[in-house]
C-alpha atoms as a PDB file:
ATOM      1  CA  MET A   1      34.951   9.909 120.088  1.00  0.00           C
ATOM      2  CA  CYS A   2      38.276   8.491 121.248  1.00  0.00           C
ATOM      3  CA  PRO A   3      38.360   7.910 125.004  1.00  0.00           C
ATOM      4  CA  LEU A   4      41.127   9.825 126.770  1.00  0.00           C
ATOM      5  CA  PRO A   5      43.759   7.186 127.581  1.00  0.00           C
ATOM      6  CA  ALA A   6      44.948   6.578 131.104  1.00  0.00           C
ATOM      7  CA  GLY A   7      48.346   8.059 131.865  1.00  0.00           C
ATOM      8  CA  ASN A   8      49.611  11.623 131.822  1.00  0.00           C
ATOM      9  CA  PRO A   9      47.913  13.642 129.096  1.00  0.00           C
ATOM     10  CA  VAL A  10      49.031  17.240 128.633  1.00  0.00           C
ATOM     11  CA  SER A  11      46.925  20.173 127.464  1.00  0.00           C
ATOM     12  CA  VAL A  12      48.495  23.307 126.001  1.00  0.00           C
ATOM     13  CA  GLU A  13      46.194  26.239 125.320  1.00  0.00           C
ATOM     14  CA  GLY A  14      46.857  29.689 123.897  1.00  0.00           C
ATOM     15  CA  ASN A  15      44.608  32.669 123.194  1.00  0.00           C
ATOM     16  CA  GLY A  16      45.895  33.519 119.739  1.00  0.00           C
ATOM     17  CA  ARG A  17      43.822  33.679 116.566  1.00  0.00           C
ATOM     18  CA  GLY A  18      43.140  29.952 116.483  1.00  0.00           C
ATOM     19  CA  ILE A  19      44.351  27.627 113.710  1.00  0.00           C
ATOM     20  CA  PRO A  20      42.129  28.035 110.616  1.00  0.00           C
ATOM     21  CA  VAL A  21      39.747  25.155 109.894  1.00  0.00           C
ATOM     22  CA  GLU A  22      38.890  25.920 106.253  1.00  0.00           C
ATOM     23  CA  ILE A  23      39.864  23.453 103.509  1.00  0.00           C
ATOM     24  CA  GLN A  24      43.241  24.070 101.867  1.00  0.00           C
ATOM     25  CA  ARG A  25      43.337  23.892  98.098  1.00  0.00           C
ATOM     26  CA  GLN A  26      46.719  22.167  97.951  1.00  0.00           C
ATOM     27  CA  THR A  27      46.050  19.389 100.464  1.00  0.00           C
ATOM     28  CA  LYS A  28      42.238  19.082 100.158  1.00  0.00           C
ATOM     29  CA  LYS A  29      42.238  18.945 103.970  1.00  0.00           C
ATOM     30  CA  SER A  30      41.413  21.537 106.586  1.00  0.00           C
ATOM     31  CA  THR A  31      44.293  23.811 107.591  1.00  0.00           C
ATOM     32  CA  LEU A  32      44.060  22.308 111.097  1.00  0.00           C
ATOM     33  CA  GLU A  33      44.500  18.755 109.792  1.00  0.00           C
ATOM     34  CA  THR A  34      47.250  19.888 107.423  1.00  0.00           C
ATOM     35  CA  VAL A  35      49.220  21.473 110.269  1.00  0.00           C
ATOM     36  CA  LEU A  36      48.776  18.363 112.424  1.00  0.00           C
ATOM     37  CA  THR A  37      49.656  15.767 109.789  1.00  0.00           C
ATOM     38  CA  VAL A  38      51.843  17.307 107.065  1.00  0.00           C
ATOM     39  CA  LEU A  39      55.549  17.999 107.568  1.00  0.00           C
ATOM     40  CA  HIS A  40      56.790  21.540 106.807  1.00  0.00           C
ATOM     41  CA  ALA A  41      53.286  22.974 107.196  1.00  0.00           C
ATOM     42  CA  GLY A  42      54.138  25.139 110.215  1.00  0.00           C
ATOM     43  CA  GLY A  43      53.341  28.857 110.394  1.00  0.00           C
ATOM     44  CA  LYS A  44      56.860  29.915 109.384  1.00  0.00           C
ATOM     45  CA  PHE A  45      56.311  28.488 105.897  1.00  0.00           C
ATOM     46  CA  GLY A  46      53.114  30.358 105.074  1.00  0.00           C
ATOM     47  CA  ASP A  47      52.626  34.021 104.206  1.00  0.00           C
ATOM     48  CA  GLY A  48      51.658  36.114 107.214  1.00  0.00           C
ATOM     49  CA  GLY A  49      52.598  33.407 109.716  1.00  0.00           C
ATOM     50  CA  TYR A  50      54.985  34.860 112.262  1.00  0.00           C
ATOM     51  CA  LYS A  51      58.104  36.996 112.118  1.00  0.00           C
ATOM     52  CA  VAL A  52      60.429  34.702 114.044  1.00  0.00           C
ATOM     53  CA  SER A  53      60.291  31.045 115.021  1.00  0.00           C
ATOM     54  CA  GLY A  54      62.386  28.461 116.788  1.00  0.00           C
ATOM     55  CA  GLY A  55      61.627  25.592 114.466  1.00  0.00           C
ATOM     56  CA  LEU A  56      63.892  24.838 111.553  1.00  0.00           C
ATOM     57  CA  HIS A  57      61.649  22.600 109.505  1.00  0.00           C
ATOM     58  CA  GLY A  58      58.024  23.135 110.538  1.00  0.00           C
ATOM     59  CA  VAL A  59      57.616  19.577 111.835  1.00  0.00           C
ATOM     60  CA  GLY A  60      56.960  20.191 115.540  1.00  0.00           C
ATOM     61  CA  VAL A  61      53.235  19.695 116.090  1.00  0.00           C
ATOM     62  CA  SER A  62      52.890  17.064 113.351  1.00  0.00           C
ATOM     63  CA  VAL A  63      55.634  15.014 115.045  1.00  0.00           C
ATOM     64  CA  VAL A  64      53.935  15.416 118.443  1.00  0.00           C
ATOM     65  CA  ASN A  65      50.754  14.111 116.846  1.00  0.00           C
ATOM     66  CA  ALA A  66      52.509  11.147 115.215  1.00  0.00           C
ATOM     67  CA  LEU A  67      54.153  10.192 118.534  1.00  0.00           C
ATOM     68  CA  SER A  68      50.957  10.416 120.590  1.00  0.00           C
ATOM     69  CA  ASN A  69      48.493   7.585 120.980  1.00  0.00           C
ATOM     70  CA  TYR A  70      45.815  10.251 121.440  1.00  0.00           C
ATOM     71  CA  LEU A  71      45.574  13.912 120.451  1.00  0.00           C
ATOM     72  CA  LYS A  72      42.655  16.297 120.490  1.00  0.00           C
ATOM     73  CA  ALA A  73      42.663  19.734 118.874  1.00  0.00           C
ATOM     74  CA  GLU A  74      40.119  22.354 119.912  1.00  0.00           C
ATOM     75  CA  VAL A  75      39.911  25.656 118.045  1.00  0.00           C
ATOM     76  CA  LYS A  76      38.035  28.819 118.990  1.00  0.00           C
ATOM     77  CA  ARG A  77      37.608  30.992 115.934  1.00  0.00           C
ATOM     78  CA  ASP A  78      34.970  33.374 114.565  1.00  0.00           C
ATOM     79  CA  GLY A  79      32.715  32.734 117.573  1.00  0.00           C
ATOM     80  CA  LYS A  80      32.673  28.965 116.947  1.00  0.00           C
ATOM     81  CA  LEU A  81      34.286  25.992 118.695  1.00  0.00           C
ATOM     82  CA  TYR A  82      35.741  23.228 116.505  1.00  0.00           C
ATOM     83  CA  GLU A  83      37.474  19.985 117.439  1.00  0.00           C
ATOM     84  CA  GLN A  84      39.210  17.006 115.849  1.00  0.00           C
ATOM     85  CA  GLU A  85      40.694  13.853 117.396  1.00  0.00           C
ATOM     86  CA  TYR A  86      43.645  11.707 116.380  1.00  0.00           C
ATOM     87  CA  ALA A  87      45.152   8.335 117.268  1.00  0.00           C
ATOM     88  CA  LYS A  88      48.854   7.786 116.505  1.00  0.00           C
ATOM     89  CA  GLY A  89      48.760  10.723 114.083  1.00  0.00           C
ATOM     90  CA  LYS A  90      45.720   9.544 112.126  1.00  0.00           C
ATOM     91  CA  PRO A  91      42.496  11.587 112.170  1.00  0.00           C
ATOM     92  CA  GLN A  92      39.530   9.789 113.722  1.00  0.00           C
ATOM     93  CA  GLY A  93      37.097  11.924 111.789  1.00  0.00           C
ATOM     94  CA  LYS A  94      36.870  15.331 110.146  1.00  0.00           C
ATOM     95  CA  VAL A  95      36.917  18.665 111.929  1.00  0.00           C
ATOM     96  CA  LYS A  96      33.504  19.152 113.509  1.00  0.00           C
ATOM     97  CA  LEU A  97      31.656  22.185 114.759  1.00  0.00           C
ATOM     98  CA  VAL A  98      30.898  21.716 118.445  1.00  0.00           C
ATOM     99  CA  GLY A  99      29.040  24.949 119.147  1.00  0.00           C
ATOM    100  CA  ASN A 100      29.368  28.647 119.827  1.00  0.00           C
ATOM    101  CA  THR A 101      32.054  30.136 122.059  1.00  0.00           C
ATOM    102  CA  ARG A 102      33.748  33.324 123.128  1.00  0.00           C
ATOM    103  CA  GLY A 103      37.314  34.333 122.481  1.00  0.00           C
ATOM    104  CA  THR A 104      39.868  32.783 120.173  1.00  0.00           C
ATOM    105  CA  GLY A 105      42.699  30.304 120.474  1.00  0.00           C
ATOM    106  CA  THR A 106      43.842  26.707 120.119  1.00  0.00           C
ATOM    107  CA  LYS A 107      44.037  23.932 122.703  1.00  0.00           C
ATOM    108  CA  ILE A 108      46.009  20.745 122.060  1.00  0.00           C
ATOM    109  CA  THR A 109      45.629  17.769 124.405  1.00  0.00           C
ATOM    110  CA  PHE A 110      47.978  14.843 123.801  1.00  0.00           C
ATOM    111  CA  GLN A 111      49.141  11.623 125.412  1.00  0.00           C
ATOM    112  CA  PRO A 112      52.636  10.379 124.453  1.00  0.00           C
ATOM    113  CA  ASP A 113      52.606   6.909 122.908  1.00  0.00           C
ATOM    114  CA  ASP A 114      53.859   4.412 125.507  1.00  0.00           C
ATOM    115  CA  THR A 115      54.736   1.938 122.761  1.00  0.00           C
ATOM    116  CA  ILE A 116      57.387   4.422 121.552  1.00  0.00           C
ATOM    117  CA  PHE A 117      58.598   6.141 124.736  1.00  0.00           C
ATOM    118  CA  THR A 118      60.074   4.219 127.649  1.00  0.00           C
ATOM    119  CA  THR A 119      58.533   6.743 130.047  1.00  0.00           C
ATOM    120  CA  THR A 120      55.544   9.017 129.647  1.00  0.00           C
ATOM    121  CA  GLU A 121      55.766  10.535 133.120  1.00  0.00           C
ATOM    122  CA  HIS A 122      56.144  14.313 132.896  1.00  0.00           C
ATOM    123  CA  ASN A 123      58.637  16.014 135.214  1.00  0.00           C
ATOM    124  CA  TYR A 124      56.725  18.935 136.715  1.00  0.00           C
ATOM    125  CA  GLN A 125      59.808  20.759 137.979  1.00  0.00           C
ATOM    126  CA  HIS A 126      61.464  20.534 134.575  1.00  0.00           C
ATOM    127  CA  ILE A 127      58.324  21.966 132.942  1.00  0.00           C
ATOM    128  CA  LEU A 128      58.102  24.717 135.574  1.00  0.00           C
ATOM    129  CA  ASP A 129      61.719  25.749 134.992  1.00  0.00           C
ATOM    130  CA  HIS A 130      61.231  25.862 131.232  1.00  0.00           C
ATOM    131  CA  ILE A 131      58.024  27.902 131.434  1.00  0.00           C
ATOM    132  CA  ARG A 132      59.562  30.356 133.913  1.00  0.00           C
ATOM    133  CA  GLN A 133      62.445  30.810 131.465  1.00  0.00           C
ATOM    134  CA  GLN A 134      60.049  31.437 128.570  1.00  0.00           C
ATOM    135  CA  ALA A 135      58.179  34.056 130.606  1.00  0.00           C
ATOM    136  CA  TYR A 136      61.447  35.916 131.235  1.00  0.00           C
ATOM    137  CA  LEU A 137      62.316  35.760 127.535  1.00  0.00           C
ATOM    138  CA  THR A 138      58.931  37.115 126.425  1.00  0.00           C
ATOM    139  CA  LYS A 139      58.289  40.015 128.764  1.00  0.00           C
ATOM    140  CA  GLY A 140      54.653  40.850 129.357  1.00  0.00           C
ATOM    141  CA  ILE A 141      53.364  37.360 128.561  1.00  0.00           C
ATOM    142  CA  LYS A 142      51.415  35.504 131.250  1.00  0.00           C
ATOM    143  CA  ILE A 143      51.783  31.719 131.429  1.00  0.00           C
ATOM    144  CA  VAL A 144      49.780  29.571 133.838  1.00  0.00           C
ATOM    145  CA  ILE A 145      50.595  25.926 134.575  1.00  0.00           C
ATOM    146  CA  HIS A 146      48.298  23.580 136.447  1.00  0.00           C
ATOM    147  CA  ASP A 147      49.134  20.044 137.652  1.00  0.00           C
ATOM    148  CA  GLU A 148      46.023  17.936 138.212  1.00  0.00           C
ATOM    149  CA  ARG A 149      47.995  14.840 139.213  1.00  0.00           C
ATOM    150  CA  THR A 150      48.392  16.062 142.775  1.00  0.00           C
ATOM    151  CA  LYS A 151      45.776  16.374 145.488  1.00  0.00           C
ATOM    152  CA  GLU A 152      46.696  20.040 145.839  1.00  0.00           C
ATOM    153  CA  HIS A 153      46.256  20.620 142.076  1.00  0.00           C
ATOM    154  CA  ALA A 154      49.343  22.851 142.131  1.00  0.00           C
ATOM    155  CA  THR A 155      49.052  26.015 140.029  1.00  0.00           C
ATOM    156  CA  TYR A 156      51.781  28.514 139.124  1.00  0.00           C
ATOM    157  CA  ALA A 157      51.557  31.711 137.082  1.00  0.00           C
ATOM    158  CA  PHE A 158      54.526  33.537 135.581  1.00  0.00           C
ATOM    159  CA  TYR A 159      54.580  37.138 134.396  1.00  0.00           C
ATOM    160  CA  PHE A 160      57.656  39.389 134.157  1.00  0.00           C
ATOM    161  CA  GLU A 161      57.639  42.948 132.821  1.00  0.00           C
ATOM    162  CA  GLY A 162      61.421  43.290 133.148  1.00  0.00           C
ATOM    163  CA  GLY A 163      62.320  40.682 130.548  1.00  0.00           C
ATOM    164  CA  VAL A 164      65.853  39.328 130.771  1.00  0.00           C
ATOM    165  CA  ALA A 165      66.770  41.961 133.392  1.00  0.00           C
ATOM    166  CA  SER A 166      64.324  40.188 135.709  1.00  0.00           C
ATOM    167  CA  TYR A 167      65.976  36.909 134.733  1.00  0.00           C
ATOM    168  CA  VAL A 168      69.402  38.218 135.824  1.00  0.00           C
ATOM    169  CA  LYS A 169      67.959  39.350 139.166  1.00  0.00           C
ATOM    170  CA  HIS A 170      66.479  35.878 139.635  1.00  0.00           C
ATOM    171  CA  LEU A 171      69.825  34.208 138.931  1.00  0.00           C
ATOM    172  CA  ASN A 172      71.566  36.548 141.376  1.00  0.00           C
ATOM    173  CA  HIS A 173      69.046  36.405 144.222  1.00  0.00           C
ATOM    174  CA  THR A 174      71.412  34.351 146.413  1.00  0.00           C
ATOM    175  CA  LYS A 175      74.536  36.361 145.465  1.00  0.00           C
ATOM    176  CA  GLU A 176      75.918  39.736 146.521  1.00  0.00           C
ATOM    177  CA  PRO A 177      75.765  42.201 143.599  1.00  0.00           C
ATOM    178  CA  LYS A 178      78.740  44.469 142.942  1.00  0.00           C
ATOM    179  CA  HIS A 179      76.345  47.146 141.684  1.00  0.00           C
ATOM    180  CA  GLU A 180      72.643  47.644 142.296  1.00  0.00           C
ATOM    181  CA  ASN A 181      71.362  48.376 138.808  1.00  0.00           C
ATOM    182  CA  VAL A 182      71.123  45.636 136.209  1.00  0.00           C
ATOM    183  CA  PHE A 183      72.437  46.823 132.843  1.00  0.00           C
ATOM    184  CA  TYR A 184      69.734  46.272 130.227  1.00  0.00           C
ATOM    185  CA  VAL A 185      69.375  47.018 126.546  1.00  0.00           C
ATOM    186  CA  GLU A 186      66.737  46.151 123.959  1.00  0.00           C
ATOM    187  CA  LYS A 187      67.057  47.287 120.376  1.00  0.00           C
ATOM    188  CA  GLN A 188      65.923  46.213 116.926  1.00  0.00           C
ATOM    189  CA  VAL A 189      68.367  46.569 114.047  1.00  0.00           C
ATOM    190  CA  ASP A 190      66.797  45.769 110.690  1.00  0.00           C
ATOM    191  CA  ALA A 191      65.008  42.464 111.360  1.00  0.00           C
ATOM    192  CA  ILE A 192      67.131  41.428 114.359  1.00  0.00           C
ATOM    193  CA  THR A 193      66.053  42.219 117.921  1.00  0.00           C
ATOM    194  CA  VAL A 194      68.684  42.181 120.651  1.00  0.00           C
ATOM    195  CA  GLU A 195      67.850  42.004 124.353  1.00  0.00           C
ATOM    196  CA  ALA A 196      70.707  41.763 126.834  1.00  0.00           C
ATOM    197  CA  ALA A 197      71.208  42.211 130.575  1.00  0.00           C
ATOM    198  CA  LEU A 198      74.149  41.845 132.942  1.00  0.00           C
ATOM    199  CA  GLN A 199      75.161  42.330 136.561  1.00  0.00           C
ATOM    200  CA  TYR A 200      78.381  41.579 138.445  1.00  0.00           C
ATOM    201  CA  THR A 201      78.382  39.719 141.770  1.00  0.00           C
ATOM    202  CA  ASP A 202      80.851  38.472 144.365  1.00  0.00           C
ATOM    203  CA  ASP A 203      80.877  35.067 142.651  1.00  0.00           C
ATOM    204  CA  TYR A 204      84.057  34.058 140.837  1.00  0.00           C
ATOM    205  CA  LYS A 205      82.216  32.243 138.067  1.00  0.00           C
ATOM    206  CA  GLU A 206      80.902  33.582 134.802  1.00  0.00           C
ATOM    207  CA  THR A 207      77.223  32.746 134.281  1.00  0.00           C
ATOM    208  CA  VAL A 208      75.960  33.714 130.825  1.00  0.00           C
ATOM    209  CA  PHE A 209      72.981  32.152 129.061  1.00  0.00           C
ATOM    210  CA  CYS A 210      72.301  32.634 125.346  1.00  0.00           C
ATOM    211  CA  PHE A 211      68.974  32.336 123.538  1.00  0.00           C
ATOM    212  CA  ALA A 212      67.901  32.623 119.918  1.00  0.00           C
ATOM    213  CA  ASN A 213      64.166  32.887 119.279  1.00  0.00           C
ATOM    214  CA  ASN A 214      63.606  31.750 122.896  1.00  0.00           C
ATOM    215  CA  ILE A 215      65.670  28.594 122.374  1.00  0.00           C
ATOM    216  CA  PHE A 216      68.545  27.988 124.782  1.00  0.00           C
ATOM    217  CA  ASN A 217      71.911  27.689 123.050  1.00  0.00           C
ATOM    218  CA  PRO A 218      74.220  25.967 125.575  1.00  0.00           C
ATOM    219  CA  GLU A 219      77.240  26.298 123.264  1.00  0.00           C
ATOM    220  CA  GLY A 220      76.578  29.971 122.573  1.00  0.00           C
ATOM    221  CA  GLY A 221      77.403  31.051 119.062  1.00  0.00           C
ATOM    222  CA  SER A 222      77.555  34.350 117.189  1.00  0.00           C
ATOM    223  CA  HIS A 223      75.430  36.269 119.724  1.00  0.00           C
ATOM    224  CA  LEU A 224      77.778  35.216 122.553  1.00  0.00           C
ATOM    225  CA  VAL A 225      80.857  36.220 120.540  1.00  0.00           C
ATOM    226  CA  GLY A 226      79.336  39.637 119.846  1.00  0.00           C
ATOM    227  CA  PHE A 227      78.411  40.115 123.505  1.00  0.00           C
ATOM    228  CA  ARG A 228      81.854  39.167 124.814  1.00  0.00           C
ATOM    229  CA  THR A 229      83.649  41.290 122.216  1.00  0.00           C
ATOM    230  CA  ALA A 230      81.559  44.344 123.121  1.00  0.00           C
ATOM    231  CA  LEU A 231      82.052  43.803 126.843  1.00  0.00           C
ATOM    232  CA  THR A 232      85.837  43.457 126.631  1.00  0.00           C
ATOM    233  CA  ARG A 233      86.381  46.394 124.284  1.00  0.00           C
ATOM    234  CA  THR A 234      83.974  48.777 126.052  1.00  0.00           C
ATOM    235  CA  ILE A 235      85.228  48.182 129.593  1.00  0.00           C
ATOM    236  CA  ASN A 236      88.876  48.478 128.528  1.00  0.00           C
ATOM    237  CA  ALA A 237      88.118  51.707 126.659  1.00  0.00           C
ATOM    238  CA  TYR A 238      86.291  53.125 129.678  1.00  0.00           C
ATOM    239  CA  ALA A 239      89.101  52.149 132.072  1.00  0.00           C
ATOM    240  CA  ARG A 240      91.696  53.874 129.870  1.00  0.00           C
ATOM    241  CA  SER A 241      89.607  57.000 129.287  1.00  0.00           C
ATOM    242  CA  LYS A 242      89.257  57.481 133.054  1.00  0.00           C
ATOM    243  CA  GLY A 243      92.917  56.752 133.781  1.00  0.00           C
ATOM    244  CA  ILE A 244      92.122  53.614 135.774  1.00  0.00           C
ATOM    245  CA  LEU A 245      94.303  51.676 133.348  1.00  0.00           C
ATOM    246  CA  LYS A 246      97.597  53.455 132.717  1.00  0.00           C
ATOM    247  CA  GLU A 247      99.194  53.756 129.291  1.00  0.00           C
ATOM    248  CA  LYS A 248     101.918  51.180 130.026  1.00  0.00           C
ATOM    249  CA  GLU A 249      99.508  48.667 131.545  1.00  0.00           C
ATOM    250  CA  GLU A 250      98.110  45.831 129.445  1.00  0.00           C
ATOM    251  CA  ASN A 251      94.460  45.626 128.555  1.00  0.00           C
ATOM    252  CA  LEU A 252      92.216  43.533 130.751  1.00  0.00           C
ATOM    253  CA  THR A 253      91.503  40.161 129.187  1.00  0.00           C
ATOM    254  CA  GLY A 254      88.003  38.957 128.436  1.00  0.00           C
ATOM    255  CA  GLU A 255      88.389  36.335 131.136  1.00  0.00           C
ATOM    256  CA  ASP A 256      89.286  39.028 133.699  1.00  0.00           C
ATOM    257  CA  ILE A 257      86.322  41.160 132.716  1.00  0.00           C
ATOM    258  CA  ARG A 258      83.841  38.268 132.858  1.00  0.00           C
ATOM    259  CA  GLU A 259      84.743  37.097 136.383  1.00  0.00           C
ATOM    260  CA  GLY A 260      81.629  37.348 138.562  1.00  0.00           C
ATOM    261  CA  LEU A 261      79.453  38.219 135.556  1.00  0.00           C
ATOM    262  CA  THR A 262      75.835  37.111 135.244  1.00  0.00           C
ATOM    263  CA  GLY A 263      74.437  37.824 131.805  1.00  0.00           C
ATOM    264  CA  ILE A 264      71.599  36.964 129.449  1.00  0.00           C
ATOM    265  CA  ILE A 265      71.645  37.477 125.688  1.00  0.00           C
ATOM    266  CA  SER A 266      68.382  36.920 123.844  1.00  0.00           C
ATOM    267  CA  ILE A 267      68.044  37.603 120.134  1.00  0.00           C
ATOM    268  CA  LYS A 268      65.156  37.284 117.713  1.00  0.00           C
ATOM    269  CA  VAL A 269      66.152  36.616 114.113  1.00  0.00           C
ATOM    270  CA  PRO A 270      63.902  35.679 111.147  1.00  0.00           C
ATOM    271  CA  GLU A 271      66.125  32.909 109.785  1.00  0.00           C
ATOM    272  CA  PRO A 272      68.164  31.327 112.584  1.00  0.00           C
ATOM    273  CA  GLN A 273      71.066  29.142 111.469  1.00  0.00           C
ATOM    274  CA  PHE A 274      71.689  26.575 114.166  1.00  0.00           C
ATOM    275  CA  GLU A 275      74.506  24.078 114.150  1.00  0.00           C
ATOM    276  CA  GLY A 276      72.609  20.800 114.348  1.00  0.00           C
ATOM    277  CA  GLN A 277      68.981  19.950 115.101  1.00  0.00           C
ATOM    278  CA  THR A 278      69.645  20.290 118.847  1.00  0.00           C
ATOM    279  CA  LYS A 279      70.185  24.038 118.222  1.00  0.00           C
ATOM    280  CA  ALA A 280      73.044  24.193 120.724  1.00  0.00           C
ATOM    281  CA  LYS A 281      74.940  26.902 118.823  1.00  0.00           C
ATOM    282  CA  LEU A 282      73.860  29.860 116.673  1.00  0.00           C
ATOM    283  CA  GLY A 283      75.764  30.461 113.459  1.00  0.00           C
ATOM    284  CA  ASN A 284      74.335  33.692 111.967  1.00  0.00           C
ATOM    285  CA  ALA A 285      77.354  35.950 111.330  1.00  0.00           C
ATOM    286  CA  GLU A 286      75.191  39.078 111.020  1.00  0.00           C
ATOM    287  CA  VAL A 287      73.941  38.566 114.589  1.00  0.00           C
ATOM    288  CA  MET A 288      77.474  38.936 115.975  1.00  0.00           C
ATOM    289  CA  VAL A 289      77.846  42.396 114.424  1.00  0.00           C
ATOM    290  CA  VAL A 290      74.425  43.597 115.628  1.00  0.00           C
ATOM    291  CA  VAL A 291      74.919  42.333 119.198  1.00  0.00           C
ATOM    292  CA  ASP A 292      78.444  43.799 119.366  1.00  0.00           C
ATOM    293  CA  SER A 293      77.282  47.237 118.202  1.00  0.00           C
ATOM    294  CA  THR A 294      74.111  47.289 120.332  1.00  0.00           C
ATOM    295  CA  VAL A 295      75.786  46.238 123.580  1.00  0.00           C
ATOM    296  CA  SER A 296      78.844  48.473 123.020  1.00  0.00           C
ATOM    297  CA  ILE A 297      76.852  51.678 122.545  1.00  0.00           C
ATOM    298  CA  ALA A 298      74.429  51.019 125.401  1.00  0.00           C
ATOM    299  CA  LEU A 299      77.090  49.807 127.848  1.00  0.00           C
ATOM    300  CA  ASP A 300      79.362  52.782 127.136  1.00  0.00           C
ATOM    301  CA  ALA A 301      76.486  55.157 127.908  1.00  0.00           C
ATOM    302  CA  ASP A 302      75.587  53.208 131.050  1.00  0.00           C
ATOM    303  CA  LEU A 303      79.149  53.328 132.386  1.00  0.00           C
ATOM    304  CA  GLU A 304      79.340  57.097 131.813  1.00  0.00           C
ATOM    305  CA  GLU A 305      76.004  57.671 133.561  1.00  0.00           C
ATOM    306  CA  ASN A 306      76.889  55.482 136.555  1.00  0.00           C
ATOM    307  CA  PRO A 307      80.552  56.198 137.400  1.00  0.00           C
ATOM    308  CA  ARG A 308      80.450  54.595 140.852  1.00  0.00           C
ATOM    309  CA  GLU A 309      79.061  51.326 139.495  1.00  0.00           C
ATOM    310  CA  ALA A 310      81.468  51.509 136.551  1.00  0.00           C
ATOM    311  CA  LYS A 311      84.406  51.841 138.940  1.00  0.00           C
ATOM    312  CA  ASN A 312      83.222  48.765 140.865  1.00  0.00           C
ATOM    313  CA  ILE A 313      83.042  46.747 137.644  1.00  0.00           C
ATOM    314  CA  VAL A 314      86.497  47.822 136.460  1.00  0.00           C
ATOM    315  CA  SER A 315      88.005  47.273 139.923  1.00  0.00           C
ATOM    316  CA  THR A 316      86.618  43.744 139.994  1.00  0.00           C
ATOM    317  CA  ALA A 317      88.240  42.999 136.624  1.00  0.00           C
ATOM    318  CA  ILE A 318      91.582  44.493 137.739  1.00  0.00           C
ATOM    319  CA  LEU A 319      91.577  42.329 140.872  1.00  0.00           C
ATOM    320  CA  ALA A 320      90.916  39.296 138.682  1.00  0.00           C
ATOM    321  CA  ALA A 321      93.821  40.291 136.422  1.00  0.00           C
ATOM    322  CA  GLN A 322      96.148  40.739 139.409  1.00  0.00           C
ATOM    323  CA  ALA A 323      95.158  37.352 140.804  1.00  0.00           C
ATOM    324  CA  ARG A 324      95.778  35.766 137.408  1.00  0.00           C
ATOM    325  CA  ALA A 325      99.215  37.400 137.173  1.00  0.00           C
ATOM    326  CA  ALA A 326     100.116  36.223 140.698  1.00  0.00           C
ATOM    327  CA  ASP A 327      99.068  32.670 139.864  1.00  0.00           C
ATOM    328  CA  SER A 328     101.168  32.787 136.714  1.00  0.00           C
ATOM    329  CA  LYS A 329     104.288  33.893 138.641  1.00  0.00           C
ATOM    330  CA  ALA A 330     103.699  31.296 141.336  1.00  0.00           C
ATOM    331  CA  GLY A 331     103.366  28.595 138.686  1.00  0.00           C
END
């Protein structure tokens, strides 16, 4: 058995089905070892894996293994507990049966290789922020994080039933909302799931975060374009239908309408097309159409059902437009 190296090992455990341990015909290795050592062997490449994924190439866990001076995999499956250890990506023995157990799942413990990385110290706050974000993006999931490096052994648990609507409330907790209710929509169109939420505040900034398959896209992409298009068209149409915008008056610009906006767009798509391995921007054209349609229909209904809140939203955009026009004249 490999001794656990000194440093900052990390354990990640889930209660899914557990990675299979049977021998694969193609590789002549166990499925567990194949996943941990062979590129493009991730679940998205096999039949019956999972519907959506964030990875492009199926290299994630095998790369983690290769870049760790120690890794241990423990699998609970069919009432049995199995384990296998690795050093710098190389198995230190075959998968072995440890004993009987309850439940199912996989636990991976790894220590980043200090001959490759200049620092192997894990930033707890950064991890906390990321896990909190993931809990918002997957409503109903419970994630627990435990830091054994401190005397207090700090533990946090995250669980949000409200999904991205809860995320918007969190982002706005220090701001003054312009309307109490957070607009929220979740809908699946064909294989694409759209989840979006928004609320206006007294802030002058626009704060909108975009995610595809739970991956943050700082440069936005097709889902952001669809969201903004729907927002601009729907609010202008509502303002005109209610006579708030007169016939001779110009439409409100997208910039006017987004002032003070806090929004989250999260989509799940089977084959995400990211621009670059950093996944900063989503390129799927079909996503733009689905987000536009989904947000437009739901937002139009929400505005009609909540006329007081709708008036506040439109009034905020009109004030922004007036301020913009005044600045333009002054310039």
